[in-house]
Every structure is written in C-alpha cells, then in structure tokens.
Amino acid sequence: MLLAAYAAHLVEVSSRFGVEADELLGPLGLDVGSLLEPSTRLDAPQITALIERARTLTGEPGLGVYLGLAMRASWHGYLGFAVLTAKDVGDALRMGEKYVATRTNALAFKLIIEDGKASVTVEERIDFGSARDVVLLAVLLGFASIGQALSGRELDGHVEIALEKPDWFDRLDIPRLERIRWNRPVHRLVFDAALLSTPFQLADPAAQKLAADQCERELAALDVSTRFSARVRERVLSDTGVVEVDAVAKALAVSPRTLKRRLASEGTSYTELLEAERRARAEHLLKNTTRSVKEIAAALGYADTAAFSHAYTRWTGKSPSEGRG
C-alpha cells in the first residue's frame, strides 16, 4: 500500500503537461480531496493504473524522471519533516530507513557503508508491473533531489537501476540523468561515504525530535502484520555480526517471548528473518564490494568460511565465488 498523497503529487506533475486533475482521476473513481486525506492509501493495481493513465494523457513515458526531480521533503509528511530538520545526509537517510513504513509498505530502504562507499538500496516488496520504472526513478532521483535541496550543494554519486534502459530515455536532455546506470543487479543510489557528513541547512535537533516522536506514534498505530517482522529483520545483523534474539527484543521494547509470538502470528520466525537478511547482504557484498569470502562470512556472523559457503550454495545453487558475477 502507498499513501494516496503521493498520487496527488503525480497529479501536480501531470498538470505541467496540460492534464487536468478531473481528467486524470475521474475515470479511476478518485478525486484530489480524497487523495489528500492522511489515512487514504492506494494499492499496487490502483497506483499502476493511475501512472499508466498519466503517461497516456501526458504523452510522457518518462514521468518518473519528472516526479523525482520535483520531489521535496515536504511530500513525505512527518517523515519528511524529520528529514528536513536532520543534522546531515547520513542522519536523514537513517530517518528514512527507520520510518519509511509510515508512508508505504511497498518499498524498503537500507543504508550500507562498505569500502568507503555508501549506498541506499531500494527493495521492492510489491509488484508495480508496467509502472515499476516510474516508481523507481521517482524514488531514486527524489533522494538525490532532496539531498541537494537540503544541503545546498550537488551531491556527487550515481543511480543504479535493475531495469533495461527504456527507448525514451536518451531523448531527455537533462544533465543529472547522465548519472543513471541501467541493467544493474540492484536498485540503489551510490556515493562517497564522506558525503554522509554533509550538513543540512535547516538542521534543528528539537524539531527533528518532535517529528521522530510523531513517526514513532504512526509506527505504533500501524497494523503489526505490516511492520513487525520488517523491524525485526532490520536488527538481526549489526556491524559486529548476529544480534541475539534477546537483544533484538530489547531494542523493540518487547519481551523475547512476545517477539517470537508476534513473528509466529505473521508466519515467520527470528531464524527465518536472520536467514533472509544474511542472504540479501551476502549477495550485495559479493556483487558490490571487493571483500574476501572470509571477511564476508565473518561480517555475517558465520564461524568459518565453510559454513558460509554451504549456506550460500543452499540459497542460490552457486558457490560464493560464482556469486561475484
């Protein structure tokens, strides 16, 4: 699900191409007023239908580019306010990673720092079908647009997208698009880790705390089934290896017994989430860093390289060296 407010921004961008809101929304049974209601959410088929109708009416297949370039922190409610008042780029990205569930459960973000490089990886949790390119371009270019606006400077880096380059892309004469790399293993924004300390012009610790507190309340109000297992998975691995279940439970302010019960109600377990997170990180590290298999095994909390290699082969049918791809 996605907050309908984002659809309202699509209406705004479409209007620049001469498309009226009623023309775009009416046949889909939507209106601007309902889109702006804080509780209104749209599912993937609704979002896909709206994006495809907008592309048809505007005649612009690259709407995702224009959405991304127009994106502002204020589009994202209290999460946007938390980002707006963040100390620096790193602080803002951590806010986004932690509280994105208050805006959507369709996407998840992870900030990874390796070998002097930082990356923000975007994970698709639902299928947007033919509208995938619009959603992904809007999100990844939007990150860069917000970072530039709040830091007051162009932040060097590039965007990687795990899609083939579309036919329409080369006709867009927009300098920032030169930083997009198509047909990559994952969707992510990549930049020098030193940029994480780039200060934001509107940094305000007191205001950020207020926004973060509201984000916490919004998280608490969400249906547990849409967020609890994701919050556990975010914490099962740290920079020093596996985080034991008791420590994860403490971080989430629940007892270990309650944690296990909630995960069971969602059809999963701590062990399954640890396995999934280890696999995701292993694939990322093998494809995107020069760290040795031994170093990766240690980072993922394996006692030795053989145990990691066995697990990786079980997951993928390949050896870690073959996974370098």
Protein backbone atom coordinates (compact mmCIF):
# COMPACT_ATOMS: atom_id res chain seq x y z
CA MET A 1 0.00 0.00 0.00
CA LEU A 2 1.08 3.59 -0.66
CA LEU A 3 -0.20 6.79 0.89
CA ALA A 4 -2.51 8.46 -1.63
CA ALA A 5 -0.75 11.80 -1.08
CA TYR A 6 1.94 10.59 -3.50
CA ALA A 7 -0.72 10.20 -6.17
CA ALA A 8 -1.62 13.84 -5.56
CA HIS A 9 1.95 14.77 -6.46
CA LEU A 10 1.60 12.78 -9.68
CA VAL A 11 -1.49 14.90 -10.42
CA GLU A 12 0.58 18.05 -9.80
CA VAL A 13 3.37 16.94 -12.15
CA SER A 14 0.87 15.83 -14.81
CA SER A 15 -0.72 19.28 -14.73
CA ARG A 16 2.54 20.70 -16.09
CA PHE A 17 1.78 18.73 -19.26
CA GLY A 18 -1.71 20.24 -19.50
CA VAL A 19 -3.62 17.37 -17.90
CA GLU A 20 -6.45 18.41 -15.55
CA ALA A 21 -6.94 16.55 -12.27
CA ASP A 22 -10.51 15.51 -13.04
CA GLU A 23 -9.47 14.16 -16.43
CA LEU A 24 -6.77 12.05 -14.84
CA LEU A 25 -8.60 10.88 -11.72
CA GLY A 26 -12.29 10.77 -12.64
CA PRO A 27 -12.36 7.53 -14.67
CA LEU A 28 -10.47 5.80 -11.84
CA GLY A 29 -13.04 6.84 -9.22
CA LEU A 30 -10.59 9.15 -7.45
CA ASP A 31 -10.52 12.86 -6.64
CA VAL A 32 -7.89 15.22 -5.25
CA GLY A 33 -9.76 15.71 -1.97
CA SER A 34 -9.69 12.01 -1.13
CA LEU A 35 -6.04 11.72 -2.15
CA LEU A 36 -5.09 14.36 0.38
CA GLU A 37 -6.82 12.61 3.27
CA PRO A 38 -3.99 11.47 5.60
CA SER A 39 -5.41 7.96 6.02
CA THR A 40 -6.12 7.23 2.35
CA ARG A 41 -3.90 4.55 0.83
CA LEU A 42 -3.85 3.08 -2.66
CA ASP A 43 -2.89 -0.48 -3.55
CA ALA A 44 -0.49 -1.50 -6.31
CA PRO A 45 -3.14 -2.01 -9.04
CA GLN A 46 -4.57 1.46 -8.33
CA ILE A 47 -1.13 3.08 -8.44
CA THR A 48 -0.23 1.24 -11.64
CA ALA A 49 -3.49 2.23 -13.34
CA LEU A 50 -3.03 5.86 -12.31
CA ILE A 51 0.56 6.02 -13.55
CA GLU A 52 -0.30 4.43 -16.88
CA ARG A 53 -3.24 6.78 -17.37
CA ALA A 54 -0.97 9.74 -16.56
CA ARG A 55 1.58 8.55 -19.11
CA THR A 56 -1.10 8.20 -21.77
CA LEU A 57 -2.66 11.62 -21.15
CA THR A 58 0.64 13.50 -20.84
CA GLY A 59 2.31 11.66 -23.70
CA GLU A 60 5.41 11.50 -21.48
CA PRO A 61 6.63 7.95 -20.72
CA GLY A 62 9.40 9.34 -18.50
CA LEU A 63 7.11 10.73 -15.82
CA GLY A 64 9.22 9.08 -13.14
CA VAL A 65 12.10 11.38 -14.01
CA TYR A 66 9.97 14.49 -13.56
CA LEU A 67 8.49 13.17 -10.32
CA GLY A 68 11.96 12.50 -8.95
CA LEU A 69 13.37 15.88 -9.96
CA ALA A 70 10.36 17.65 -8.42
CA MET A 71 10.39 15.70 -5.15
CA ARG A 72 10.59 17.69 -1.90
CA ALA A 73 10.93 16.57 1.69
CA SER A 74 7.52 18.08 2.42
CA TRP A 75 5.91 15.39 0.25
CA HIS A 76 6.60 12.83 2.98
CA GLY A 77 4.61 14.11 5.95
CA TYR A 78 6.22 13.82 9.39
CA LEU A 79 8.94 11.63 7.89
CA GLY A 80 9.75 14.49 5.53
CA PHE A 81 9.84 16.91 8.46
CA ALA A 82 12.27 14.60 10.27
CA VAL A 83 14.48 14.54 7.15
CA LEU A 84 14.15 18.29 6.64
CA THR A 85 15.48 19.02 10.13
CA ALA A 86 18.15 16.28 10.13
CA LYS A 87 21.74 17.05 11.06
CA ASP A 88 23.29 15.80 7.82
CA VAL A 89 22.85 13.42 4.88
CA GLY A 90 23.53 10.31 6.95
CA ASP A 91 21.09 11.33 9.65
CA ALA A 92 18.39 11.95 7.04
CA LEU A 93 18.92 8.59 5.36
CA ARG A 94 18.72 6.77 8.68
CA MET A 95 15.44 8.54 9.40
CA GLY A 96 14.11 7.39 6.04
CA GLU A 97 15.26 3.82 6.57
CA LYS A 98 13.69 3.65 10.01
CA TYR A 99 10.35 5.30 9.31
CA VAL A 100 9.53 4.54 5.67
CA ALA A 101 6.82 2.13 6.88
CA THR A 102 4.79 5.18 7.97
CA ARG A 103 4.47 6.11 4.29
CA THR A 104 4.37 2.77 2.47
CA ASN A 105 4.94 -0.95 2.85
CA ALA A 106 5.59 -1.28 -0.88
CA LEU A 107 9.26 -0.31 -0.63
CA ALA A 108 12.05 -0.64 1.91
CA PHE A 109 15.38 1.14 2.04
CA LYS A 110 18.71 0.13 3.51
CA LEU A 111 21.79 2.29 4.01
CA ILE A 112 25.00 0.28 3.57
CA ILE A 113 28.54 1.59 4.06
CA GLU A 114 31.37 -0.50 2.59
CA ASP A 115 34.88 0.23 1.33
CA GLY A 116 34.48 4.00 1.59
CA LYS A 117 31.24 3.94 -0.42
CA ALA A 118 27.71 4.47 0.83
CA SER A 119 24.65 3.09 -0.91
CA VAL A 120 20.93 3.33 -0.37
CA THR A 121 19.35 0.17 -1.71
CA VAL A 122 15.66 0.11 -2.65
CA GLU A 123 13.81 -3.17 -2.16
CA GLU A 124 10.51 -3.71 -3.97
CA ARG A 125 8.01 -5.51 -1.74
CA ILE A 126 5.07 -5.47 -4.14
CA ASP A 127 4.80 -5.66 -7.92
CA PHE A 128 4.10 -2.35 -9.68
CA GLY A 129 4.08 -4.09 -13.05
CA SER A 130 4.45 -1.77 -16.02
CA ALA A 131 4.78 1.23 -13.67
CA ARG A 132 7.99 -0.02 -11.99
CA ASP A 133 10.26 2.37 -13.85
CA VAL A 134 8.18 5.39 -12.82
CA VAL A 135 8.18 4.39 -9.14
CA LEU A 136 11.89 3.55 -9.03
CA LEU A 137 13.07 6.61 -10.96
CA ALA A 138 10.89 8.86 -8.80
CA VAL A 139 12.29 7.37 -5.59
CA LEU A 140 15.98 7.26 -6.52
CA LEU A 141 16.10 10.63 -8.27
CA GLY A 142 13.95 12.02 -5.47
CA PHE A 143 16.55 11.05 -2.87
CA ALA A 144 19.16 12.98 -4.81
CA SER A 145 16.86 15.98 -5.32
CA ILE A 146 16.07 16.23 -1.61
CA GLY A 147 19.71 15.84 -0.64
CA GLN A 148 20.74 18.63 -2.99
CA ALA A 149 17.97 20.95 -1.81
CA LEU A 150 18.67 20.45 1.90
CA SER A 151 22.46 20.53 1.70
CA GLY A 152 22.62 23.42 -0.76
CA ARG A 153 25.06 21.55 -3.00
CA GLU A 154 25.12 18.96 -5.74
CA LEU A 155 25.97 15.61 -4.14
CA ASP A 156 28.23 13.53 -6.36
CA GLY A 157 27.20 9.94 -6.95
CA HIS A 158 25.20 7.80 -9.34
CA VAL A 159 21.95 5.85 -9.54
CA GLU A 160 21.82 2.14 -10.39
CA ILE A 161 18.60 0.51 -11.59
CA ALA A 162 17.96 -3.19 -12.19
CA LEU A 163 15.93 -2.50 -15.35
CA GLU A 164 16.78 -2.28 -19.03
CA LYS A 165 17.19 1.26 -20.34
CA PRO A 166 13.88 2.31 -21.93
CA ASP A 167 13.71 3.60 -25.50
CA TRP A 168 12.53 7.06 -24.41
CA PHE A 169 15.40 7.74 -22.04
CA ASP A 170 18.04 9.09 -24.43
CA ARG A 171 15.79 11.86 -25.75
CA LEU A 172 15.65 13.55 -22.32
CA ASP A 173 18.30 16.25 -22.28
CA ILE A 174 18.71 16.55 -18.51
CA PRO A 175 22.30 16.61 -17.18
CA ARG A 176 21.53 14.76 -13.94
CA LEU A 177 20.31 11.75 -15.91
CA GLU A 178 23.88 11.08 -17.04
CA ARG A 179 24.40 9.56 -13.58
CA ILE A 180 21.90 6.74 -14.12
CA ARG A 181 23.30 3.24 -14.75
CA TRP A 182 20.82 0.73 -16.16
CA ASN A 183 20.70 -3.07 -16.03
CA ARG A 184 22.46 -3.34 -12.65
CA PRO A 185 21.96 -6.10 -10.04
CA VAL A 186 20.00 -3.91 -7.59
CA HIS A 187 18.26 -0.55 -7.37
CA ARG A 188 20.43 1.84 -5.38
CA LEU A 189 21.95 5.28 -5.01
CA VAL A 190 25.76 5.11 -4.66
CA PHE A 191 28.06 7.87 -3.40
CA ASP A 192 31.22 8.56 -1.42
CA ALA A 193 30.66 7.72 2.25
CA ALA A 194 32.30 11.04 3.19
CA LEU A 195 29.17 12.79 1.90
CA LEU A 196 27.14 11.31 4.76
CA SER A 197 28.51 14.08 6.99
CA THR A 198 27.38 16.87 4.62
CA PRO A 199 25.38 19.22 6.88
CA PHE A 200 21.81 20.25 6.17
CA GLN A 201 20.92 23.92 6.15
CA LEU A 202 17.74 23.54 8.22
CA ALA A 203 19.13 21.21 10.90
CA ASP A 204 17.11 21.55 14.10
CA PRO A 205 17.52 18.82 16.76
CA ALA A 206 14.46 19.88 18.77
CA ALA A 207 12.19 19.98 15.72
CA GLN A 208 13.56 16.67 14.48
CA LYS A 209 12.79 15.02 17.81
CA LEU A 210 9.19 16.19 17.58
CA ALA A 211 8.93 14.76 14.06
CA ALA A 212 10.60 11.49 15.06
CA ASP A 213 8.26 11.13 18.04
CA GLN A 214 5.28 11.51 15.71
CA CYS A 215 6.78 8.94 13.33
CA GLU A 216 7.10 6.54 16.26
CA ARG A 217 3.43 7.06 17.08
CA GLU A 218 2.50 6.40 13.46
CA LEU A 219 4.54 3.20 13.50
CA ALA A 220 2.80 2.12 16.66
CA ALA A 221 -0.59 2.75 15.04
CA LEU A 222 0.16 0.58 12.03
CA ASP A 223 -1.09 -2.96 11.76
CA VAL A 224 1.60 -5.15 13.30
CA SER A 225 1.41 -7.58 10.40
CA THR A 226 2.69 -4.90 8.02
CA ARG A 227 5.71 -3.90 10.01
CA PHE A 228 6.86 -6.01 12.97
CA SER A 229 8.78 -8.68 11.08
CA ALA A 230 10.41 -5.99 8.94
CA ARG A 231 11.54 -4.15 12.07
CA VAL A 232 12.99 -7.35 13.49
CA ARG A 233 14.78 -8.14 10.24
CA GLU A 234 16.40 -4.69 10.26
CA ARG A 235 18.04 -5.56 13.59
CA VAL A 236 19.16 -9.18 13.28
CA LEU A 237 22.59 -8.20 11.94
CA SER A 238 24.89 -5.42 13.10
CA ASP A 239 28.37 -4.30 12.10
CA THR A 240 29.77 -6.89 14.52
CA GLY A 241 27.66 -9.84 13.38
CA VAL A 242 24.46 -11.57 14.53
CA VAL A 243 22.32 -9.81 17.12
CA GLU A 244 20.80 -12.34 19.51
CA VAL A 245 17.03 -12.53 19.80
CA ASP A 246 17.03 -11.17 23.36
CA ALA A 247 18.90 -8.04 22.24
CA VAL A 248 16.54 -7.53 19.28
CA ALA A 249 13.55 -7.84 21.59
CA LYS A 250 15.04 -5.29 23.97
CA ALA A 251 15.64 -2.84 21.11
CA LEU A 252 11.97 -3.16 20.14
CA ALA A 253 10.78 -2.81 23.75
CA VAL A 254 9.14 -6.24 23.89
CA SER A 255 9.99 -9.46 25.67
CA PRO A 256 11.69 -12.28 23.71
CA ARG A 257 8.54 -14.35 24.18
CA THR A 258 6.36 -11.58 22.74
CA LEU A 259 8.74 -11.11 19.82
CA LYS A 260 8.54 -14.80 18.95
CA ARG A 261 4.75 -14.81 19.31
CA ARG A 262 4.32 -11.80 17.03
CA LEU A 263 6.61 -13.26 14.40
CA ALA A 264 4.75 -16.57 14.57
CA SER A 265 1.47 -14.72 14.00
CA GLU A 266 2.99 -13.36 10.78
CA GLY A 267 4.11 -16.82 9.69
CA THR A 268 7.81 -16.30 10.25
CA SER A 269 10.50 -16.58 12.92
CA TYR A 270 13.70 -14.92 14.07
CA THR A 271 15.71 -17.70 12.41
CA GLU A 272 13.96 -17.25 9.06
CA LEU A 273 14.44 -13.49 9.15
CA LEU A 274 18.12 -13.88 10.00
CA GLU A 275 18.50 -16.29 7.11
CA ALA A 276 16.79 -13.88 4.69
CA GLU A 277 18.88 -10.93 5.83
CA ARG A 278 22.11 -12.92 5.64
CA ARG A 279 21.31 -13.97 2.09
CA ALA A 280 20.43 -10.42 0.98
CA ARG A 281 23.60 -8.97 2.48
CA ALA A 282 25.76 -11.81 1.14
CA GLU A 283 24.54 -11.21 -2.41
CA HIS A 284 25.11 -7.48 -2.07
CA LEU A 285 28.61 -7.81 -0.62
CA LEU A 286 29.73 -10.36 -3.19
CA LYS A 287 28.49 -8.31 -6.13
CA ASN A 288 29.35 -4.82 -4.94
CA THR A 289 32.48 -4.99 -2.79
CA THR A 290 35.99 -6.42 -3.01
CA ARG A 291 35.84 -8.02 0.44
CA SER A 292 37.08 -11.59 0.59
CA VAL A 293 34.72 -14.51 1.17
CA LYS A 294 36.32 -14.95 4.58
CA GLU A 295 35.62 -11.31 5.50
CA ILE A 296 32.02 -11.56 4.30
CA ALA A 297 31.49 -14.76 6.27
CA ALA A 298 32.73 -13.03 9.42
CA ALA A 299 30.58 -9.94 8.79
CA LEU A 300 27.50 -12.15 8.53
CA GLY A 301 28.28 -13.94 11.78
CA TYR A 302 29.44 -17.31 10.43
CA ALA A 303 32.00 -19.23 12.46
CA ASP A 304 34.06 -20.03 9.38
CA THR A 305 34.15 -19.72 5.60
CA ALA A 306 32.97 -23.29 5.07
CA ALA A 307 29.72 -22.66 6.97
CA PHE A 308 29.03 -19.52 4.92
CA SER A 309 29.85 -21.28 1.63
CA HIS A 310 27.50 -24.13 2.50
CA ALA A 311 24.68 -21.68 3.33
CA TYR A 312 25.24 -19.62 0.16
CA THR A 313 25.19 -22.73 -2.04
CA ARG A 314 21.97 -23.87 -0.37
CA TRP A 315 20.36 -20.47 -1.06
CA THR A 316 21.49 -19.96 -4.65
CA GLY A 317 22.86 -23.21 -6.05
CA LYS A 318 26.18 -21.39 -6.60
CA SER A 319 29.41 -21.05 -4.70
CA PRO A 320 30.30 -17.61 -3.26
CA SER A 321 32.99 -17.17 -5.92
CA GLU A 322 30.37 -17.77 -8.63
CA GLY A 323 28.13 -15.23 -6.90
CA ARG A 324 30.66 -12.48 -7.61
CA GLY A 325 29.03 -12.28 -11.06
